[in-house]
Amino acid sequence: MGDTHICYKAEGKKELCFKVDEILELQFEMGNGGGRHQDIPAAIAYVILKADPDPQNLFYFSISEEYVLLNQTKAHDFCSKVLNHIGERYRIPVTYKLSIDTKKKQNAIAMVPLLLVIIFFIIWLRLKFLN
């Protein structure tokens, strides 16, 4: 594939490949490790394709460290350096964002009102039938 593709393979996962000429931008955000690692800063990198504005996962990693602000961590610095190196080599813009809206996140947020309605309905039923 040479210099025409950017590929990444996570342990135990399928290799992801993106054609360089189809990439509009590289973006990354900082978050928490998730699960039992909520206090570990994690960098999540995304590829924005010209044909599809929905961010595609490129890679994710975390570094266990003490921190105050997520944008002042080793994970942020390392991710920034890796993406800037790729961006400079292939002339792709790189952006750090506080939060990147993916379809998965938008779907999760869209479920909140539905869950609230269900919760209020359950509370109403319990109050109605307990009295």
N, C-alpha and C. Protein backbone atom coordinates (compact mmCIF):
# COMPACT_ATOMS: atom_id res chain seq x y z
N MET A 1 0.81 -1.20 0.00
CA MET A 1 0.00 0.00 0.00
C MET A 1 0.86 1.26 0.00
N GLY A 2 2.02 1.20 0.57
CA GLY A 2 2.95 2.32 0.52
C GLY A 2 2.41 3.60 1.13
N ASP A 3 2.69 4.71 0.45
CA ASP A 3 2.31 6.03 0.96
C ASP A 3 0.92 6.47 0.52
N THR A 4 0.13 5.57 0.00
CA THR A 4 -1.21 5.97 -0.44
C THR A 4 -2.28 5.67 0.60
N HIS A 5 -1.91 4.93 1.66
CA HIS A 5 -2.86 4.55 2.70
C HIS A 5 -2.29 4.83 4.09
N ILE A 6 -3.19 5.12 5.02
CA ILE A 6 -2.84 5.19 6.44
C ILE A 6 -3.59 4.03 7.09
N CYS A 7 -2.83 3.13 7.73
CA CYS A 7 -3.43 1.94 8.33
C CYS A 7 -3.11 1.87 9.81
N TYR A 8 -4.03 1.25 10.56
CA TYR A 8 -3.84 1.05 11.99
C TYR A 8 -4.48 -0.27 12.36
N LYS A 9 -3.80 -1.04 13.21
CA LYS A 9 -4.36 -2.31 13.66
C LYS A 9 -4.22 -2.38 15.17
N ALA A 10 -5.37 -2.40 15.85
CA ALA A 10 -5.38 -2.56 17.29
C ALA A 10 -5.24 -4.03 17.62
N GLU A 11 -4.74 -4.32 18.80
CA GLU A 11 -4.56 -5.71 19.21
C GLU A 11 -5.89 -6.45 19.18
N GLY A 12 -5.92 -7.54 18.45
CA GLY A 12 -7.11 -8.37 18.38
C GLY A 12 -8.22 -7.80 17.51
N LYS A 13 -7.95 -6.75 16.76
CA LYS A 13 -8.98 -6.14 15.91
C LYS A 13 -8.54 -6.15 14.46
N LYS A 14 -9.51 -5.89 13.58
CA LYS A 14 -9.26 -5.83 12.15
C LYS A 14 -8.48 -4.55 11.80
N GLU A 15 -7.60 -4.66 10.83
CA GLU A 15 -6.81 -3.51 10.39
C GLU A 15 -7.71 -2.49 9.69
N LEU A 16 -7.53 -1.22 10.05
CA LEU A 16 -8.25 -0.12 9.41
C LEU A 16 -7.32 0.57 8.44
N CYS A 17 -7.77 0.79 7.22
CA CYS A 17 -6.97 1.50 6.23
C CYS A 17 -7.80 2.60 5.58
N PHE A 18 -7.17 3.76 5.40
CA PHE A 18 -7.80 4.90 4.76
C PHE A 18 -6.89 5.41 3.66
N LYS A 19 -7.45 5.69 2.49
CA LYS A 19 -6.67 6.26 1.40
C LYS A 19 -6.36 7.72 1.74
N VAL A 20 -5.10 8.10 1.59
CA VAL A 20 -4.66 9.45 1.94
C VAL A 20 -5.43 10.51 1.16
N ASP A 21 -5.67 10.29 -0.11
CA ASP A 21 -6.36 11.31 -0.91
C ASP A 21 -7.85 11.43 -0.60
N GLU A 22 -8.39 10.51 0.22
CA GLU A 22 -9.80 10.59 0.63
C GLU A 22 -9.98 11.20 2.01
N ILE A 23 -8.85 11.54 2.68
CA ILE A 23 -8.91 12.10 4.04
C ILE A 23 -8.99 13.61 3.98
N LEU A 24 -9.99 14.15 4.64
CA LEU A 24 -10.16 15.60 4.73
C LEU A 24 -9.37 16.17 5.89
N GLU A 25 -9.41 15.47 7.04
CA GLU A 25 -8.80 16.01 8.25
C GLU A 25 -8.58 14.89 9.26
N LEU A 26 -7.60 15.08 10.14
CA LEU A 26 -7.38 14.21 11.30
C LEU A 26 -7.76 15.02 12.53
N GLN A 27 -8.53 14.43 13.42
CA GLN A 27 -8.95 15.12 14.64
C GLN A 27 -8.68 14.21 15.83
N PHE A 28 -8.49 14.84 17.01
CA PHE A 28 -8.40 14.03 18.21
C PHE A 28 -9.01 14.78 19.39
N GLU A 29 -9.43 13.98 20.36
CA GLU A 29 -10.00 14.51 21.58
C GLU A 29 -9.40 13.74 22.75
N MET A 30 -9.55 14.32 23.92
CA MET A 30 -9.10 13.66 25.14
C MET A 30 -10.31 13.28 25.95
N GLY A 31 -10.24 12.13 26.58
CA GLY A 31 -11.31 11.66 27.45
C GLY A 31 -10.72 10.84 28.56
N ASN A 32 -11.57 10.14 29.27
CA ASN A 32 -11.11 9.24 30.32
C ASN A 32 -11.08 7.83 29.80
N GLY A 33 -10.25 6.99 30.41
CA GLY A 33 -10.04 5.63 29.95
C GLY A 33 -11.29 4.79 29.86
N GLY A 34 -12.29 5.10 30.66
CA GLY A 34 -13.53 4.34 30.63
C GLY A 34 -13.46 3.10 31.48
N GLY A 35 -14.62 2.55 31.78
CA GLY A 35 -14.69 1.33 32.59
C GLY A 35 -14.06 1.53 33.94
N ARG A 36 -13.22 0.62 34.32
CA ARG A 36 -12.57 0.72 35.63
C ARG A 36 -11.37 1.66 35.61
N HIS A 37 -11.07 2.26 34.45
CA HIS A 37 -9.94 3.17 34.30
C HIS A 37 -10.41 4.60 34.10
N GLN A 38 -11.43 5.03 34.84
CA GLN A 38 -12.01 6.37 34.66
C GLN A 38 -11.01 7.49 34.93
N ASP A 39 -10.00 7.23 35.73
CA ASP A 39 -9.06 8.29 36.10
C ASP A 39 -7.82 8.33 35.21
N ILE A 40 -7.80 7.56 34.14
CA ILE A 40 -6.64 7.53 33.24
C ILE A 40 -6.98 8.34 31.98
N PRO A 41 -6.15 9.33 31.63
CA PRO A 41 -6.43 10.11 30.42
C PRO A 41 -6.23 9.27 29.16
N ALA A 42 -7.14 9.45 28.21
CA ALA A 42 -7.09 8.69 26.96
C ALA A 42 -7.19 9.64 25.77
N ALA A 43 -6.42 9.36 24.74
CA ALA A 43 -6.48 10.11 23.49
C ALA A 43 -7.22 9.27 22.47
N ILE A 44 -8.18 9.90 21.79
CA ILE A 44 -8.94 9.22 20.76
C ILE A 44 -8.76 10.00 19.46
N ALA A 45 -8.21 9.33 18.44
CA ALA A 45 -7.95 9.97 17.15
C ALA A 45 -8.98 9.51 16.13
N TYR A 46 -9.39 10.45 15.29
CA TYR A 46 -10.40 10.18 14.27
C TYR A 46 -9.91 10.63 12.90
N VAL A 47 -10.45 10.00 11.86
CA VAL A 47 -10.22 10.40 10.48
C VAL A 47 -11.55 10.95 9.97
N ILE A 48 -11.49 12.13 9.34
CA ILE A 48 -12.66 12.70 8.69
C ILE A 48 -12.44 12.52 7.19
N LEU A 49 -13.32 11.75 6.57
CA LEU A 49 -13.19 11.49 5.14
C LEU A 49 -13.93 12.56 4.34
N LYS A 50 -13.45 12.81 3.14
CA LYS A 50 -14.09 13.80 2.27
C LYS A 50 -15.52 13.38 1.91
N ALA A 51 -15.73 12.08 1.73
CA ALA A 51 -17.04 11.58 1.31
C ALA A 51 -18.00 11.36 2.48
N ASP A 52 -17.49 11.33 3.71
CA ASP A 52 -18.33 11.04 4.88
C ASP A 52 -17.88 11.91 6.04
N PRO A 53 -18.69 12.89 6.44
CA PRO A 53 -18.29 13.80 7.52
C PRO A 53 -18.32 13.17 8.91
N ASP A 54 -18.88 11.95 9.05
CA ASP A 54 -18.90 11.30 10.36
C ASP A 54 -17.49 10.81 10.70
N PRO A 55 -16.94 11.23 11.85
CA PRO A 55 -15.59 10.81 12.23
C PRO A 55 -15.47 9.29 12.36
N GLN A 56 -14.42 8.74 11.78
CA GLN A 56 -14.11 7.31 11.85
C GLN A 56 -12.97 7.13 12.85
N ASN A 57 -13.07 6.16 13.74
CA ASN A 57 -12.00 5.90 14.70
C ASN A 57 -10.71 5.53 13.97
N LEU A 58 -9.64 6.18 14.36
CA LEU A 58 -8.32 5.81 13.82
C LEU A 58 -7.57 5.01 14.88
N PHE A 59 -7.35 5.62 16.07
CA PHE A 59 -6.75 4.88 17.17
C PHE A 59 -7.13 5.49 18.50
N TYR A 60 -6.86 4.73 19.55
CA TYR A 60 -7.22 5.09 20.91
C TYR A 60 -6.12 4.54 21.81
N PHE A 61 -5.66 5.33 22.75
CA PHE A 61 -4.72 4.83 23.74
C PHE A 61 -4.78 5.68 24.99
N SER A 62 -4.25 5.14 26.08
CA SER A 62 -4.22 5.88 27.33
C SER A 62 -2.86 5.69 27.98
N ILE A 63 -2.50 6.67 28.81
CA ILE A 63 -1.25 6.63 29.56
C ILE A 63 -1.60 6.92 31.01
N SER A 64 -1.23 6.02 31.89
CA SER A 64 -1.51 6.20 33.31
C SER A 64 -0.57 7.27 33.87
N GLU A 65 -1.17 8.36 34.33
CA GLU A 65 -0.37 9.46 34.87
C GLU A 65 -1.24 10.36 35.73
N GLU A 66 -0.61 11.14 36.58
CA GLU A 66 -1.30 12.16 37.36
C GLU A 66 -1.50 13.37 36.44
N TYR A 67 -2.67 14.01 36.53
CA TYR A 67 -2.91 15.16 35.67
C TYR A 67 -3.94 16.08 36.31
N VAL A 68 -3.94 17.33 35.83
CA VAL A 68 -4.93 18.30 36.25
C VAL A 68 -5.86 18.58 35.07
N LEU A 69 -5.29 18.89 33.91
CA LEU A 69 -6.05 19.14 32.70
C LEU A 69 -5.70 18.10 31.64
N LEU A 70 -6.71 17.59 30.94
CA LEU A 70 -6.47 16.55 29.95
C LEU A 70 -5.58 17.01 28.80
N ASN A 71 -5.64 18.31 28.47
CA ASN A 71 -4.80 18.78 27.35
C ASN A 71 -3.36 19.08 27.78
N GLN A 72 -3.02 18.72 29.02
CA GLN A 72 -1.65 18.88 29.49
C GLN A 72 -1.07 17.54 29.95
N THR A 73 -1.46 16.48 29.26
CA THR A 73 -1.00 15.14 29.62
C THR A 73 -0.03 14.59 28.58
N LYS A 74 0.66 13.52 28.96
CA LYS A 74 1.56 12.84 28.02
C LYS A 74 0.76 12.22 26.87
N ALA A 75 -0.44 11.74 27.18
CA ALA A 75 -1.29 11.15 26.14
C ALA A 75 -1.63 12.20 25.08
N HIS A 76 -1.98 13.41 25.52
CA HIS A 76 -2.30 14.51 24.59
C HIS A 76 -1.07 14.85 23.75
N ASP A 77 0.06 15.01 24.41
CA ASP A 77 1.29 15.36 23.69
C ASP A 77 1.67 14.30 22.67
N PHE A 78 1.61 13.03 23.07
CA PHE A 78 2.00 11.96 22.16
C PHE A 78 1.05 11.88 20.97
N CYS A 79 -0.24 11.94 21.23
CA CYS A 79 -1.22 11.88 20.14
C CYS A 79 -1.04 13.06 19.19
N SER A 80 -0.82 14.23 19.75
CA SER A 80 -0.59 15.42 18.93
C SER A 80 0.63 15.25 18.04
N LYS A 81 1.71 14.72 18.60
CA LYS A 81 2.94 14.52 17.82
C LYS A 81 2.74 13.50 16.71
N VAL A 82 2.07 12.40 17.02
CA VAL A 82 1.84 11.35 16.01
C VAL A 82 0.98 11.90 14.88
N LEU A 83 -0.15 12.54 15.23
CA LEU A 83 -1.04 13.06 14.19
C LEU A 83 -0.40 14.20 13.40
N ASN A 84 0.35 15.07 14.07
CA ASN A 84 1.03 16.16 13.35
C ASN A 84 2.08 15.60 12.39
N HIS A 85 2.77 14.54 12.79
CA HIS A 85 3.75 13.92 11.90
C HIS A 85 3.04 13.36 10.65
N ILE A 86 1.93 12.64 10.87
CA ILE A 86 1.16 12.10 9.74
C ILE A 86 0.63 13.25 8.89
N GLY A 87 0.09 14.28 9.55
CA GLY A 87 -0.47 15.42 8.84
C GLY A 87 0.56 16.14 7.98
N GLU A 88 1.75 16.34 8.52
CA GLU A 88 2.81 17.01 7.76
C GLU A 88 3.27 16.16 6.58
N ARG A 89 3.41 14.87 6.82
CA ARG A 89 3.88 13.98 5.76
C ARG A 89 2.91 13.92 4.58
N TYR A 90 1.60 13.88 4.88
CA TYR A 90 0.61 13.73 3.83
C TYR A 90 -0.19 15.00 3.55
N ARG A 91 0.20 16.10 4.16
CA ARG A 91 -0.48 17.39 3.98
C ARG A 91 -1.97 17.30 4.34
N ILE A 92 -2.22 16.75 5.53
CA ILE A 92 -3.58 16.61 6.04
C ILE A 92 -3.69 17.50 7.29
N PRO A 93 -4.69 18.37 7.37
CA PRO A 93 -4.85 19.19 8.57
C PRO A 93 -5.17 18.35 9.81
N VAL A 94 -4.64 18.78 10.95
CA VAL A 94 -4.86 18.10 12.23
C VAL A 94 -5.49 19.09 13.19
N THR A 95 -6.53 18.64 13.90
CA THR A 95 -7.24 19.51 14.84
C THR A 95 -7.47 18.78 16.15
N TYR A 96 -7.21 19.50 17.26
CA TYR A 96 -7.59 19.01 18.58
C TYR A 96 -8.92 19.66 18.93
N LYS A 97 -9.87 18.85 19.39
CA LYS A 97 -11.19 19.38 19.78
C LYS A 97 -11.53 18.89 21.18
N LEU A 98 -12.27 19.71 21.89
CA LEU A 98 -12.69 19.30 23.23
C LEU A 98 -13.63 18.10 23.17
N SER A 99 -14.46 18.04 22.15
CA SER A 99 -15.36 16.91 21.97
C SER A 99 -15.66 16.76 20.48
N ILE A 100 -15.64 15.54 20.01
CA ILE A 100 -15.92 15.25 18.60
C ILE A 100 -17.24 14.51 18.54
N ASP A 101 -18.18 15.06 17.79
CA ASP A 101 -19.51 14.46 17.67
C ASP A 101 -19.50 13.35 16.63
N THR A 102 -19.63 12.12 17.10
CA THR A 102 -19.75 10.98 16.21
C THR A 102 -21.22 10.53 16.22
N LYS A 103 -21.61 9.73 15.26
CA LYS A 103 -22.98 9.22 15.22
C LYS A 103 -23.30 8.41 16.47
N LYS A 104 -22.31 7.67 16.96
CA LYS A 104 -22.50 6.87 18.17
C LYS A 104 -22.83 7.76 19.37
N LYS A 105 -22.10 8.86 19.52
CA LYS A 105 -22.37 9.79 20.62
C LYS A 105 -23.71 10.48 20.44
N GLN A 106 -24.05 10.87 19.22
CA GLN A 106 -25.33 11.53 18.96
C GLN A 106 -26.49 10.59 19.26
N ASN A 107 -26.35 9.31 18.91
CA ASN A 107 -27.40 8.34 19.20
C ASN A 107 -27.56 8.15 20.70
N ALA A 108 -26.45 8.14 21.43
CA ALA A 108 -26.52 7.99 22.89
C ALA A 108 -27.22 9.19 23.52
N ILE A 109 -26.92 10.38 23.04
CA ILE A 109 -27.55 11.59 23.56
C ILE A 109 -29.04 11.61 23.22
N ALA A 110 -29.39 11.14 22.05
CA ALA A 110 -30.79 11.11 21.62
C ALA A 110 -31.62 10.19 22.50
N MET A 111 -31.01 9.22 23.14
CA MET A 111 -31.73 8.28 24.00
C MET A 111 -32.08 8.89 25.36
N VAL A 112 -31.41 9.95 25.76
CA VAL A 112 -31.64 10.55 27.09
C VAL A 112 -33.09 10.98 27.28
N PRO A 113 -33.71 11.74 26.37
CA PRO A 113 -35.11 12.12 26.60
C PRO A 113 -36.04 10.91 26.72
N LEU A 114 -35.82 9.89 25.90
CA LEU A 114 -36.63 8.69 25.98
C LEU A 114 -36.49 8.02 27.34
N LEU A 115 -35.28 7.92 27.82
CA LEU A 115 -35.05 7.32 29.13
C LEU A 115 -35.72 8.13 30.24
N LEU A 116 -35.66 9.45 30.14
CA LEU A 116 -36.31 10.30 31.14
C LEU A 116 -37.82 10.07 31.15
N VAL A 117 -38.44 9.96 29.98
CA VAL A 117 -39.88 9.70 29.90
C VAL A 117 -40.20 8.35 30.54
N ILE A 118 -39.41 7.35 30.25
CA ILE A 118 -39.64 6.01 30.82
C ILE A 118 -39.50 6.05 32.34
N ILE A 119 -38.48 6.73 32.84
CA ILE A 119 -38.27 6.83 34.29
C ILE A 119 -39.44 7.53 34.96
N PHE A 120 -39.87 8.67 34.40
CA PHE A 120 -41.00 9.38 34.98
C PHE A 120 -42.28 8.54 34.93
N PHE A 121 -42.48 7.79 33.87
CA PHE A 121 -43.64 6.92 33.76
C PHE A 121 -43.62 5.84 34.84
N ILE A 122 -42.48 5.24 35.06
CA ILE A 122 -42.34 4.21 36.09
C ILE A 122 -42.59 4.80 37.47
N ILE A 123 -42.04 5.97 37.74
CA ILE A 123 -42.26 6.63 39.03
C ILE A 123 -43.75 6.95 39.20
N TRP A 124 -44.39 7.45 38.16
CA TRP A 124 -45.81 7.77 38.22
C TRP A 124 -46.64 6.53 38.52
N LEU A 125 -46.31 5.40 37.84
CA LEU A 125 -47.03 4.15 38.09
C LEU A 125 -46.85 3.67 39.52
N ARG A 126 -45.65 3.74 40.02
CA ARG A 126 -45.39 3.30 41.40
C ARG A 126 -46.14 4.16 42.40
N LEU A 127 -46.11 5.48 42.17
CA LEU A 127 -46.82 6.37 43.08
C LEU A 127 -48.34 6.15 43.01
N LYS A 128 -48.85 5.93 41.84
CA LYS A 128 -50.28 5.74 41.64
C LYS A 128 -50.77 4.45 42.29
N PHE A 129 -50.03 3.36 42.15
CA PHE A 129 -50.48 2.07 42.64
C PHE A 129 -50.03 1.76 44.06
N LEU A 130 -49.13 2.54 44.62
CA LEU A 130 -48.72 2.34 46.02
C LEU A 130 -49.65 3.09 46.97
N ASN A 131 -50.35 4.07 46.49
CA ASN A 131 -51.25 4.87 47.35
C ASN A 131 -52.60 4.26 47.46
